[in-house]
């Protein structure tokens, strides 16, 4: 299994829809990545430039292919993926504000 620091620009007018779907647990049943993706997005952080960033666990090649097709490309532009060690991404994001303050479970 691999871990990635993922960042992207939230699409205008779509972030509230993503928050509502995360709150409703809509992605939890997506196999094999729904639980991991949901947890990661619920805990995503916001950079000063407005971009969103989170650590994501992934098993596929290319990285995040299934997640992008099912969810991410509907809500984020300019996704960037950087390999990291497990937990390292979250450590680097510790001081940033939550993208979805009401949803975080970290």
PDB file of N, CA and C in Angstrom:
ATOM      1  N   UNK A   1       0.839  -1.161   0.000  1.00  0.00           N
ATOM      2  CA  UNK A   1       0.000   0.000   0.000  1.00  0.00           C
ATOM      3  C   UNK A   1       0.887   1.229   0.000  1.00  0.00           C
ATOM      4  N   UNK A   2       0.384   2.287  -0.606  1.00  0.00           N
ATOM      5  CA  UNK A   2       1.139   3.524  -0.725  1.00  0.00           C
ATOM      6  C   UNK A   2       0.315   4.677  -0.147  1.00  0.00           C
ATOM      7  N   UNK A   3       1.022   5.714   0.237  1.00  0.00           N
ATOM      8  CA  UNK A   3       0.372   6.907   0.767  1.00  0.00           C
ATOM      9  C   UNK A   3       0.830   8.103  -0.040  1.00  0.00           C
ATOM     10  N   UNK A   4      -0.091   9.054  -0.197  1.00  0.00           N
ATOM     11  CA  UNK A   4       0.180  10.232  -1.011  1.00  0.00           C
ATOM     12  C   UNK A   4      -0.337  11.473  -0.322  1.00  0.00           C
ATOM     13  N   UNK A   5       0.380  12.572  -0.521  1.00  0.00           N
ATOM     14  CA  UNK A   5      -0.109  13.888  -0.155  1.00  0.00           C
ATOM     15  C   UNK A   5      -0.791  14.406  -1.413  1.00  0.00           C
ATOM     16  N   UNK A   6      -2.076  14.656  -1.317  1.00  0.00           N
ATOM     17  CA  UNK A   6      -2.882  15.052  -2.465  1.00  0.00           C
ATOM     18  C   UNK A   6      -3.324  16.493  -2.276  1.00  0.00           C
ATOM     19  N   UNK A   7      -3.218  17.286  -3.334  1.00  0.00           N
ATOM     20  CA  UNK A   7      -3.725  18.650  -3.275  1.00  0.00           C
ATOM     21  C   UNK A   7      -4.490  18.948  -4.555  1.00  0.00           C
ATOM     22  N   UNK A   8      -5.437  19.855  -4.443  1.00  0.00           N
ATOM     23  CA  UNK A   8      -6.234  20.245  -5.594  1.00  0.00           C
ATOM     24  C   UNK A   8      -6.993  21.522  -5.316  1.00  0.00           C
ATOM     25  N   UNK A   9      -7.463  22.121  -6.386  1.00  0.00           N
ATOM     26  CA  UNK A   9      -8.242  23.349  -6.297  1.00  0.00           C
ATOM     27  C   UNK A   9      -9.730  22.974  -6.285  1.00  0.00           C
ATOM     28  N   UNK A  10     -10.446  23.288  -5.196  1.00  0.00           N
ATOM     29  CA  UNK A  10     -11.874  22.979  -5.174  1.00  0.00           C
ATOM     30  C   UNK A  10     -12.595  23.704  -6.320  1.00  0.00           C
ATOM     31  N   UNK A  11     -13.451  22.995  -7.024  1.00  0.00           N
ATOM     32  CA  UNK A  11     -14.210  23.591  -8.118  1.00  0.00           C
ATOM     33  C   UNK A  11     -15.256  24.540  -7.551  1.00  0.00           C
ATOM     34  N   UNK A  12     -15.392  25.689  -8.187  1.00  0.00           N
ATOM     35  CA  UNK A  12     -16.336  26.716  -7.742  1.00  0.00           C
ATOM     36  C   UNK A  12     -17.749  26.143  -7.656  1.00  0.00           C
ATOM     37  N   UNK A  13     -18.388  26.381  -6.526  1.00  0.00           N
ATOM     38  CA  UNK A  13     -19.765  25.970  -6.334  1.00  0.00           C
ATOM     39  C   UNK A  13     -19.976  24.492  -6.062  1.00  0.00           C
ATOM     40  N   UNK A  14     -18.908  23.706  -5.931  1.00  0.00           N
ATOM     41  CA  UNK A  14     -19.047  22.257  -5.744  1.00  0.00           C
ATOM     42  C   UNK A  14     -18.690  21.789  -4.331  1.00  0.00           C
ATOM     43  N   UNK A  15     -17.988  22.606  -3.572  1.00  0.00           N
ATOM     44  CA  UNK A  15     -17.472  22.158  -2.286  1.00  0.00           C
ATOM     45  C   UNK A  15     -18.599  21.896  -1.279  1.00  0.00           C
ATOM     46  N   UNK A  16     -19.684  22.669  -1.343  1.00  0.00           N
ATOM     47  CA  UNK A  16     -20.809  22.428  -0.430  1.00  0.00           C
ATOM     48  C   UNK A  16     -21.467  21.083  -0.731  1.00  0.00           C
ATOM     49  N   UNK A  17     -21.553  20.719  -2.009  1.00  0.00           N
ATOM     50  CA  UNK A  17     -22.101  19.420  -2.393  1.00  0.00           C
ATOM     51  C   UNK A  17     -21.218  18.299  -1.857  1.00  0.00           C
ATOM     52  N   UNK A  18     -19.907  18.461  -1.993  1.00  0.00           N
ATOM     53  CA  UNK A  18     -18.987  17.448  -1.477  1.00  0.00           C
ATOM     54  C   UNK A  18     -19.146  17.303   0.035  1.00  0.00           C
ATOM     55  N   UNK A  19     -19.233  18.410   0.741  1.00  0.00           N
ATOM     56  CA  UNK A  19     -19.404  18.351   2.193  1.00  0.00           C
ATOM     57  C   UNK A  19     -20.690  17.614   2.553  1.00  0.00           C
ATOM     58  N   UNK A  20     -21.775  17.903   1.871  1.00  0.00           N
ATOM     59  CA  UNK A  20     -23.048  17.243   2.154  1.00  0.00           C
ATOM     60  C   UNK A  20     -22.962  15.737   1.892  1.00  0.00           C
ATOM     61  N   UNK A  21     -22.304  15.358   0.821  1.00  0.00           N
ATOM     62  CA  UNK A  21     -22.178  13.936   0.496  1.00  0.00           C
ATOM     63  C   UNK A  21     -21.275  13.217   1.500  1.00  0.00           C
ATOM     64  N   UNK A  22     -20.219  13.884   1.950  1.00  0.00           N
ATOM     65  CA  UNK A  22     -19.361  13.302   2.980  1.00  0.00           C
ATOM     66  C   UNK A  22     -20.122  13.150   4.293  1.00  0.00           C
ATOM     67  N   UNK A  23     -20.883  14.174   4.655  1.00  0.00           N
ATOM     68  CA  UNK A  23     -21.657  14.120   5.899  1.00  0.00           C
ATOM     69  C   UNK A  23     -22.679  12.981   5.863  1.00  0.00           C
ATOM     70  N   UNK A  24     -23.222  12.713   4.689  1.00  0.00           N
ATOM     71  CA  UNK A  24     -24.214  11.642   4.532  1.00  0.00           C
ATOM     72  C   UNK A  24     -23.572  10.263   4.383  1.00  0.00           C
ATOM     73  N   UNK A  25     -22.244  10.224   4.280  1.00  0.00           N
ATOM     74  CA  UNK A  25     -21.545   8.951   4.147  1.00  0.00           C
ATOM     75  C   UNK A  25     -21.719   8.294   2.785  1.00  0.00           C
ATOM     76  N   UNK A  26     -22.004   9.090   1.769  1.00  0.00           N
ATOM     77  CA  UNK A  26     -22.303   8.545   0.445  1.00  0.00           C
ATOM     78  C   UNK A  26     -21.167   7.759  -0.198  1.00  0.00           C
ATOM     79  N   UNK A  27     -19.943   8.048   0.153  1.00  0.00           N
ATOM     80  CA  UNK A  27     -18.815   7.380  -0.504  1.00  0.00           C
ATOM     81  C   UNK A  27     -18.316   6.155   0.262  1.00  0.00           C
ATOM     82  N   UNK A  28     -18.839   5.929   1.439  1.00  0.00           N
ATOM     83  CA  UNK A  28     -18.342   4.846   2.294  1.00  0.00           C
ATOM     84  C   UNK A  28     -18.438   3.470   1.635  1.00  0.00           C
ATOM     85  N   UNK A  29     -19.443   3.242   0.848  1.00  0.00           N
ATOM     86  CA  UNK A  29     -19.653   1.941   0.226  1.00  0.00           C
ATOM     87  C   UNK A  29     -18.870   1.700  -1.049  1.00  0.00           C
ATOM     88  N   UNK A  30     -18.150   2.690  -1.531  1.00  0.00           N
ATOM     89  CA  UNK A  30     -17.354   2.503  -2.743  1.00  0.00           C
ATOM     90  C   UNK A  30     -16.198   1.560  -2.437  1.00  0.00           C
ATOM     91  N   UNK A  31     -16.070   0.505  -3.198  1.00  0.00           N
ATOM     92  CA  UNK A  31     -15.025  -0.493  -2.968  1.00  0.00           C
ATOM     93  C   UNK A  31     -13.940  -0.394  -4.011  1.00  0.00           C
ATOM     94  N   UNK A  32     -12.705  -0.487  -3.596  1.00  0.00           N
ATOM     95  CA  UNK A  32     -12.204  -0.798  -2.261  1.00  0.00           C
ATOM     96  C   UNK A  32     -11.792   0.431  -1.461  1.00  0.00           C
ATOM     97  N   UNK A  33     -12.089   1.631  -1.918  1.00  0.00           N
ATOM     98  CA  UNK A  33     -11.477   2.847  -1.374  1.00  0.00           C
ATOM     99  C   UNK A  33     -12.409   3.775  -0.600  1.00  0.00           C
ATOM    100  N   UNK A  34     -13.679   3.477  -0.495  1.00  0.00           N
ATOM    101  CA  UNK A  34     -14.642   4.416   0.051  1.00  0.00           C
ATOM    102  C   UNK A  34     -14.373   4.898   1.461  1.00  0.00           C
ATOM    103  N   UNK A  35     -14.039   3.987   2.351  1.00  0.00           N
ATOM    104  CA  UNK A  35     -13.790   4.388   3.748  1.00  0.00           C
ATOM    105  C   UNK A  35     -12.551   5.273   3.863  1.00  0.00           C
ATOM    106  N   UNK A  36     -11.492   4.885   3.177  1.00  0.00           N
ATOM    107  CA  UNK A  36     -10.255   5.653   3.234  1.00  0.00           C
ATOM    108  C   UNK A  36     -10.436   7.041   2.607  1.00  0.00           C
ATOM    109  N   UNK A  37     -11.057   7.092   1.451  1.00  0.00           N
ATOM    110  CA  UNK A  37     -11.285   8.373   0.785  1.00  0.00           C
ATOM    111  C   UNK A  37     -12.164   9.272   1.645  1.00  0.00           C
ATOM    112  N   UNK A  38     -13.228   8.717   2.194  1.00  0.00           N
ATOM    113  CA  UNK A  38     -14.131   9.518   3.023  1.00  0.00           C
ATOM    114  C   UNK A  38     -13.407  10.099   4.231  1.00  0.00           C
ATOM    115  N   UNK A  39     -12.640   9.266   4.922  1.00  0.00           N
ATOM    116  CA  UNK A  39     -11.899   9.744   6.087  1.00  0.00           C
ATOM    117  C   UNK A  39     -10.894  10.821   5.695  1.00  0.00           C
ATOM    118  N   UNK A  40     -10.186  10.592   4.611  1.00  0.00           N
ATOM    119  CA  UNK A  40      -9.179  11.568   4.168  1.00  0.00           C
ATOM    120  C   UNK A  40      -9.819  12.899   3.811  1.00  0.00           C
ATOM    121  N   UNK A  41     -10.903  12.876   3.061  1.00  0.00           N
ATOM    122  CA  UNK A  41     -11.552  14.126   2.664  1.00  0.00           C
ATOM    123  C   UNK A  41     -12.195  14.825   3.848  1.00  0.00           C
ATOM    124  N   UNK A  42     -12.760  14.072   4.765  1.00  0.00           N
ATOM    125  CA  UNK A  42     -13.353  14.682   5.957  1.00  0.00           C
ATOM    126  C   UNK A  42     -12.299  15.445   6.767  1.00  0.00           C
ATOM    127  N   UNK A  43     -11.061  15.008   6.678  1.00  0.00           N
ATOM    128  CA  UNK A  43      -9.966  15.613   7.423  1.00  0.00           C
ATOM    129  C   UNK A  43      -9.068  16.506   6.578  1.00  0.00           C
ATOM    130  N   UNK A  44      -9.481  16.793   5.351  1.00  0.00           N
ATOM    131  CA  UNK A  44      -8.683  17.640   4.456  1.00  0.00           C
ATOM    132  C   UNK A  44      -8.457  19.013   5.079  1.00  0.00           C
ATOM    133  N   UNK A  45      -7.382  19.634   4.655  1.00  0.00           N
ATOM    134  CA  UNK A  45      -6.998  20.956   5.151  1.00  0.00           C
ATOM    135  C   UNK A  45      -7.045  21.974   4.015  1.00  0.00           C
ATOM    136  N   UNK A  46      -7.091  23.238   4.406  1.00  0.00           N
ATOM    137  CA  UNK A  46      -7.131  24.340   3.437  1.00  0.00           C
ATOM    138  C   UNK A  46      -5.842  25.148   3.545  1.00  0.00           C
ATOM    139  N   UNK A  47      -5.186  25.318   2.415  1.00  0.00           N
ATOM    140  CA  UNK A  47      -3.995  26.158   2.365  1.00  0.00           C
ATOM    141  C   UNK A  47      -4.407  27.617   2.188  1.00  0.00           C
ATOM    142  N   UNK A  48      -3.477  28.515   2.451  1.00  0.00           N
ATOM    143  CA  UNK A  48      -3.748  29.950   2.343  1.00  0.00           C
ATOM    144  C   UNK A  48      -4.179  30.344   0.932  1.00  0.00           C
ATOM    145  N   UNK A  49      -3.716  29.609  -0.071  1.00  0.00           N
ATOM    146  CA  UNK A  49      -4.086  29.926  -1.451  1.00  0.00           C
ATOM    147  C   UNK A  49      -5.461  29.378  -1.841  1.00  0.00           C
ATOM    148  N   UNK A  50      -6.157  28.723  -0.899  1.00  0.00           N
ATOM    149  CA  UNK A  50      -7.484  28.195  -1.156  1.00  0.00           C
ATOM    150  C   UNK A  50      -7.496  26.749  -1.626  1.00  0.00           C
ATOM    151  N   UNK A  51      -6.335  26.182  -1.891  1.00  0.00           N
ATOM    152  CA  UNK A  51      -6.295  24.783  -2.323  1.00  0.00           C
ATOM    153  C   UNK A  51      -6.573  23.863  -1.141  1.00  0.00           C
ATOM    154  N   UNK A  52      -7.039  22.669  -1.457  1.00  0.00           N
ATOM    155  CA  UNK A  52      -7.301  21.649  -0.452  1.00  0.00           C
ATOM    156  C   UNK A  52      -6.162  20.647  -0.483  1.00  0.00           C
ATOM    157  N   UNK A  53      -5.857  20.057   0.671  1.00  0.00           N
ATOM    158  CA  UNK A  53      -4.755  19.102   0.758  1.00  0.00           C
ATOM    159  C   UNK A  53      -5.075  18.050   1.817  1.00  0.00           C
ATOM    160  N   UNK A  54      -4.679  16.811   1.539  1.00  0.00           N
ATOM    161  CA  UNK A  54      -4.929  15.712   2.461  1.00  0.00           C
ATOM    162  C   UNK A  54      -3.981  14.564   2.154  1.00  0.00           C
ATOM    163  N   UNK A  55      -3.871  13.642   3.110  1.00  0.00           N
ATOM    164  CA  UNK A  55      -3.110  12.416   2.887  1.00  0.00           C
ATOM    165  C   UNK A  55      -4.093  11.319   2.502  1.00  0.00           C
ATOM    166  N   UNK A  56      -3.735  10.546   1.503  1.00  0.00           N
ATOM    167  CA  UNK A  56      -4.619   9.491   0.997  1.00  0.00           C
ATOM    168  C   UNK A  56      -3.858   8.180   0.873  1.00  0.00           C
ATOM    169  N   UNK A  57      -4.495   7.107   1.306  1.00  0.00           N
ATOM    170  CA  UNK A  57      -3.991   5.745   1.149  1.00  0.00           C
ATOM    171  C   UNK A  57      -4.509   5.230  -0.192  1.00  0.00           C
ATOM    172  N   UNK A  58      -3.653   4.558  -0.967  1.00  0.00           N
ATOM    173  CA  UNK A  58      -4.090   4.109  -2.286  1.00  0.00           C
ATOM    174  C   UNK A  58      -3.375   2.835  -2.695  1.00  0.00           C
ATOM    175  N   UNK A  59      -4.053   2.041  -3.520  1.00  0.00           N
ATOM    176  CA  UNK A  59      -3.529   0.751  -3.957  1.00  0.00           C
ATOM    177  C   UNK A  59      -3.364   0.642  -5.471  1.00  0.00           C
ATOM    178  N   UNK A  60      -3.862   1.580  -6.236  1.00  0.00           N
ATOM    179  CA  UNK A  60      -3.913   1.387  -7.690  1.00  0.00           C
ATOM    180  C   UNK A  60      -2.829   2.142  -8.451  1.00  0.00           C
ATOM    181  N   UNK A  61      -2.671   1.735  -9.685  1.00  0.00           N
ATOM    182  CA  UNK A  61      -1.755   2.372 -10.634  1.00  0.00           C
ATOM    183  C   UNK A  61      -2.540   2.768 -11.855  1.00  0.00           C
ATOM    184  N   UNK A  62      -2.474   3.998 -12.297  1.00  0.00           N
ATOM    185  CA  UNK A  62      -1.786   5.111 -11.654  1.00  0.00           C
ATOM    186  C   UNK A  62      -2.460   5.484 -10.331  1.00  0.00           C
ATOM    187  N   UNK A  63      -1.721   6.175  -9.472  1.00  0.00           N
ATOM    188  CA  UNK A  63      -2.263   6.527  -8.157  1.00  0.00           C
ATOM    189  C   UNK A  63      -3.601   7.260  -8.250  1.00  0.00           C
ATOM    190  N   UNK A  64      -4.514   6.863  -7.395  1.00  0.00           N
ATOM    191  CA  UNK A  64      -5.828   7.483  -7.236  1.00  0.00           C
ATOM    192  C   UNK A  64      -6.714   7.408  -8.484  1.00  0.00           C
ATOM    193  N   UNK A  65      -6.447   6.488  -9.378  1.00  0.00           N
ATOM    194  CA  UNK A  65      -7.232   6.385 -10.611  1.00  0.00           C
ATOM    195  C   UNK A  65      -8.709   6.134 -10.312  1.00  0.00           C
ATOM    196  N   UNK A  66      -9.013   5.189  -9.440  1.00  0.00           N
ATOM    197  CA  UNK A  66     -10.410   4.890  -9.115  1.00  0.00           C
ATOM    198  C   UNK A  66     -11.064   6.047  -8.356  1.00  0.00           C
ATOM    199  N   UNK A  67     -10.342   6.627  -7.432  1.00  0.00           N
ATOM    200  CA  UNK A  67     -10.868   7.732  -6.642  1.00  0.00           C
ATOM    201  C   UNK A  67     -11.164   8.943  -7.520  1.00  0.00           C
ATOM    202  N   UNK A  68     -10.277   9.197  -8.469  1.00  0.00           N
ATOM    203  CA  UNK A  68     -10.485  10.324  -9.380  1.00  0.00           C
ATOM    204  C   UNK A  68     -11.719  10.101 -10.242  1.00  0.00           C
ATOM    205  N   UNK A  69     -11.846   8.913 -10.796  1.00  0.00           N
ATOM    206  CA  UNK A  69     -12.975   8.621 -11.678  1.00  0.00           C
ATOM    207  C   UNK A  69     -14.306   8.694 -10.933  1.00  0.00           C
ATOM    208  N   UNK A  70     -14.344   8.216  -9.706  1.00  0.00           N
ATOM    209  CA  UNK A  70     -15.593   8.135  -8.952  1.00  0.00           C
ATOM    210  C   UNK A  70     -15.962   9.430  -8.227  1.00  0.00           C
ATOM    211  N   UNK A  71     -14.957  10.183  -7.748  1.00  0.00           N
ATOM    212  CA  UNK A  71     -15.252  11.320  -6.872  1.00  0.00           C
ATOM    213  C   UNK A  71     -14.396  12.547  -7.158  1.00  0.00           C
ATOM    214  N   UNK A  72     -13.093  12.413  -7.060  1.00  0.00           N
ATOM    215  CA  UNK A  72     -12.202  13.572  -7.003  1.00  0.00           C
ATOM    216  C   UNK A  72     -12.296  14.515  -8.190  1.00  0.00           C
ATOM    217  N   UNK A  73     -12.369  13.977  -9.409  1.00  0.00           N
ATOM    218  CA  UNK A  73     -12.415  14.845 -10.587  1.00  0.00           C
ATOM    219  C   UNK A  73     -13.719  15.639 -10.691  1.00  0.00           C
ATOM    220  N   UNK A  74     -14.729  15.250  -9.927  1.00  0.00           N
ATOM    221  CA  UNK A  74     -15.987  16.001  -9.898  1.00  0.00           C
ATOM    222  C   UNK A  74     -15.900  17.245  -9.009  1.00  0.00           C
ATOM    223  N   UNK A  75     -14.906  17.268  -8.120  1.00  0.00           N
ATOM    224  CA  UNK A  75     -14.839  18.327  -7.122  1.00  0.00           C
ATOM    225  C   UNK A  75     -13.546  19.136  -7.100  1.00  0.00           C
ATOM    226  N   UNK A  76     -12.485  18.612  -7.729  1.00  0.00           N
ATOM    227  CA  UNK A  76     -11.193  19.287  -7.656  1.00  0.00           C
ATOM    228  C   UNK A  76     -10.552  19.390  -9.040  1.00  0.00           C
ATOM    229  N   UNK A  77      -9.889  20.502  -9.269  1.00  0.00           N
ATOM    230  CA  UNK A  77      -9.076  20.701 -10.467  1.00  0.00           C
ATOM    231  C   UNK A  77      -7.609  20.682 -10.058  1.00  0.00           C
ATOM    232  N   UNK A  78      -6.755  20.437 -11.030  1.00  0.00           N
ATOM    233  CA  UNK A  78      -5.304  20.495 -10.834  1.00  0.00           C
ATOM    234  C   UNK A  78      -4.835  19.624  -9.671  1.00  0.00           C
ATOM    235  N   UNK A  79      -5.303  18.386  -9.631  1.00  0.00           N
ATOM    236  CA  UNK A  79      -4.852  17.475  -8.572  1.00  0.00           C
ATOM    237  C   UNK A  79      -3.367  17.177  -8.721  1.00  0.00           C
ATOM    238  N   UNK A  80      -2.671  17.247  -7.619  1.00  0.00           N
ATOM    239  CA  UNK A  80      -1.249  16.907  -7.558  1.00  0.00           C
ATOM    240  C   UNK A  80      -1.073  15.825  -6.502  1.00  0.00           C
ATOM    241  N   UNK A  81      -0.219  14.876  -6.797  1.00  0.00           N
ATOM    242  CA  UNK A  81      -0.025  13.719  -5.922  1.00  0.00           C
ATOM    243  C   UNK A  81       1.464  13.550  -5.642  1.00  0.00           C
ATOM    244  N   UNK A  82       1.808  13.510  -4.351  1.00  0.00           N
ATOM    245  CA  UNK A  82       3.198  13.354  -3.924  1.00  0.00           C
ATOM    246  C   UNK A  82       3.305  12.151  -2.994  1.00  0.00           C
ATOM    247  N   UNK A  83       4.161  11.183  -3.300  1.00  0.00           N
ATOM    248  CA  UNK A  83       4.323  10.041  -2.389  1.00  0.00           C
ATOM    249  C   UNK A  83       4.860  10.500  -1.028  1.00  0.00           C
ATOM    250  N   UNK A  84       4.316   9.928   0.040  1.00  0.00           N
ATOM    251  CA  UNK A  84       4.786  10.207   1.404  1.00  0.00           C
ATOM    252  C   UNK A  84       4.731   8.911   2.204  1.00  0.00           C
ATOM    253  N   UNK A  85       5.402   8.902   3.326  1.00  0.00           N
ATOM    254  CA  UNK A  85       5.294   7.792   4.269  1.00  0.00           C
ATOM    255  C   UNK A  85       3.979   7.948   5.035  1.00  0.00           C
ATOM    256  N   UNK A  86       3.412   6.845   5.483  1.00  0.00           N
ATOM    257  CA  UNK A  86       2.155   6.880   6.231  1.00  0.00           C
ATOM    258  C   UNK A  86       2.247   7.850   7.405  1.00  0.00           C
ATOM    259  N   UNK A  87       1.307   8.776   7.468  1.00  0.00           N
ATOM    260  CA  UNK A  87       1.257   9.762   8.542  1.00  0.00           C
ATOM    261  C   UNK A  87       2.075  11.013   8.301  1.00  0.00           C
ATOM    262  N   UNK A  88       3.036  10.962   7.402  1.00  0.00           N
ATOM    263  CA  UNK A  88       3.897  12.121   7.146  1.00  0.00           C
ATOM    264  C   UNK A  88       3.102  13.284   6.564  1.00  0.00           C
ATOM    265  N   UNK A  89       2.184  12.974   5.655  1.00  0.00           N
ATOM    266  CA  UNK A  89       1.360  14.036   5.067  1.00  0.00           C
ATOM    267  C   UNK A  89       0.556  14.768   6.125  1.00  0.00           C
ATOM    268  N   UNK A  90      -0.094  13.998   7.006  1.00  0.00           N
ATOM    269  CA  UNK A  90      -0.881  14.631   8.064  1.00  0.00           C
ATOM    270  C   UNK A  90      -0.004  15.480   8.976  1.00  0.00           C
ATOM    271  N   UNK A  91       1.208  15.030   9.273  1.00  0.00           N
ATOM    272  CA  UNK A  91       2.124  15.830  10.103  1.00  0.00           C
ATOM    273  C   UNK A  91       2.420  17.166   9.437  1.00  0.00           C
ATOM    274  N   UNK A  92       2.631  17.153   8.136  1.00  0.00           N
ATOM    275  CA  UNK A  92       2.942  18.384   7.395  1.00  0.00           C
ATOM    276  C   UNK A  92       1.751  19.338   7.346  1.00  0.00           C
ATOM    277  N   UNK A  93       0.546  18.818   7.527  1.00  0.00           N
ATOM    278  CA  UNK A  93      -0.661  19.632   7.429  1.00  0.00           C
ATOM    279  C   UNK A  93      -1.201  20.072   8.785  1.00  0.00           C
ATOM    280  N   UNK A  94      -0.551  19.676   9.848  1.00  0.00           N
ATOM    281  CA  UNK A  94      -1.077  19.858  11.204  1.00  0.00           C
ATOM    282  C   UNK A  94      -1.501  21.287  11.530  1.00  0.00           C
ATOM    283  N   UNK A  95      -0.823  22.282  11.036  1.00  0.00           N
ATOM    284  CA  UNK A  95      -1.148  23.662  11.387  1.00  0.00           C
ATOM    285  C   UNK A  95      -2.170  24.329  10.488  1.00  0.00           C
ATOM    286  N   UNK A  96      -2.649  23.630   9.486  1.00  0.00           N
ATOM    287  CA  UNK A  96      -3.590  24.231   8.537  1.00  0.00           C
ATOM    288  C   UNK A  96      -5.033  24.070   9.008  1.00  0.00           C
ATOM    289  N   UNK A  97      -5.900  25.041   8.667  1.00  0.00           N
ATOM    290  CA  UNK A  97      -7.304  24.916   9.055  1.00  0.00           C
ATOM    291  C   UNK A  97      -8.010  23.807   8.273  1.00  0.00           C
ATOM    292  N   UNK A  98      -9.035  23.242   8.873  1.00  0.00           N
ATOM    293  CA  UNK A  98      -9.806  22.179   8.237  1.00  0.00           C
ATOM    294  C   UNK A  98     -10.590  22.722   7.053  1.00  0.00           C
ATOM    295  N   UNK A  99     -10.664  21.943   5.986  1.00  0.00           N
ATOM    296  CA  UNK A  99     -11.496  22.287   4.837  1.00  0.00           C
ATOM    297  C   UNK A  99     -12.972  22.163   5.217  1.00  0.00           C
ATOM    298  N   UNK A 100     -13.293  21.139   6.006  1.00  0.00           N
ATOM    299  CA  UNK A 100     -14.656  20.899   6.482  1.00  0.00           C
ATOM    300  C   UNK A 100     -14.633  20.819   8.011  1.00  0.00           C
ATOM    301  N   UNK A 101     -14.613  21.940   8.706  1.00  0.00           N
ATOM    302  CA  UNK A 101     -14.475  21.906  10.163  1.00  0.00           C
ATOM    303  C   UNK A 101     -15.508  21.064  10.893  1.00  0.00           C
ATOM    304  N   UNK A 102     -16.708  20.982  10.380  1.00  0.00           N
ATOM    305  CA  UNK A 102     -17.762  20.220  11.047  1.00  0.00           C
ATOM    306  C   UNK A 102     -17.650  18.724  10.846  1.00  0.00           C
ATOM    307  N   UNK A 103     -16.776  18.286   9.909  1.00  0.00           N
ATOM    308  CA  UNK A 103     -16.719  16.876   9.565  1.00  0.00           C
ATOM    309  C   UNK A 103     -15.491  16.129  10.078  1.00  0.00           C
ATOM    310  N   UNK A 104     -14.447  16.807  10.414  1.00  0.00           N
ATOM    311  CA  UNK A 104     -13.187  16.151  10.761  1.00  0.00           C
ATOM    312  C   UNK A 104     -13.322  15.137  11.879  1.00  0.00           C
ATOM    313  N   UNK A 105     -12.571  14.038  11.750  1.00  0.00           N
ATOM    314  CA  UNK A 105     -12.591  13.020  12.807  1.00  0.00           C
ATOM    315  C   UNK A 105     -11.189  12.674  13.289  1.00  0.00           C
ATOM    316  N   UNK A 106     -10.230  13.482  12.964  1.00  0.00           N
ATOM    317  CA  UNK A 106      -8.853  13.274  13.411  1.00  0.00           C
ATOM    318  C   UNK A 106      -8.680  13.811  14.790  1.00  0.00           C
TER     319      UNK A 106
END
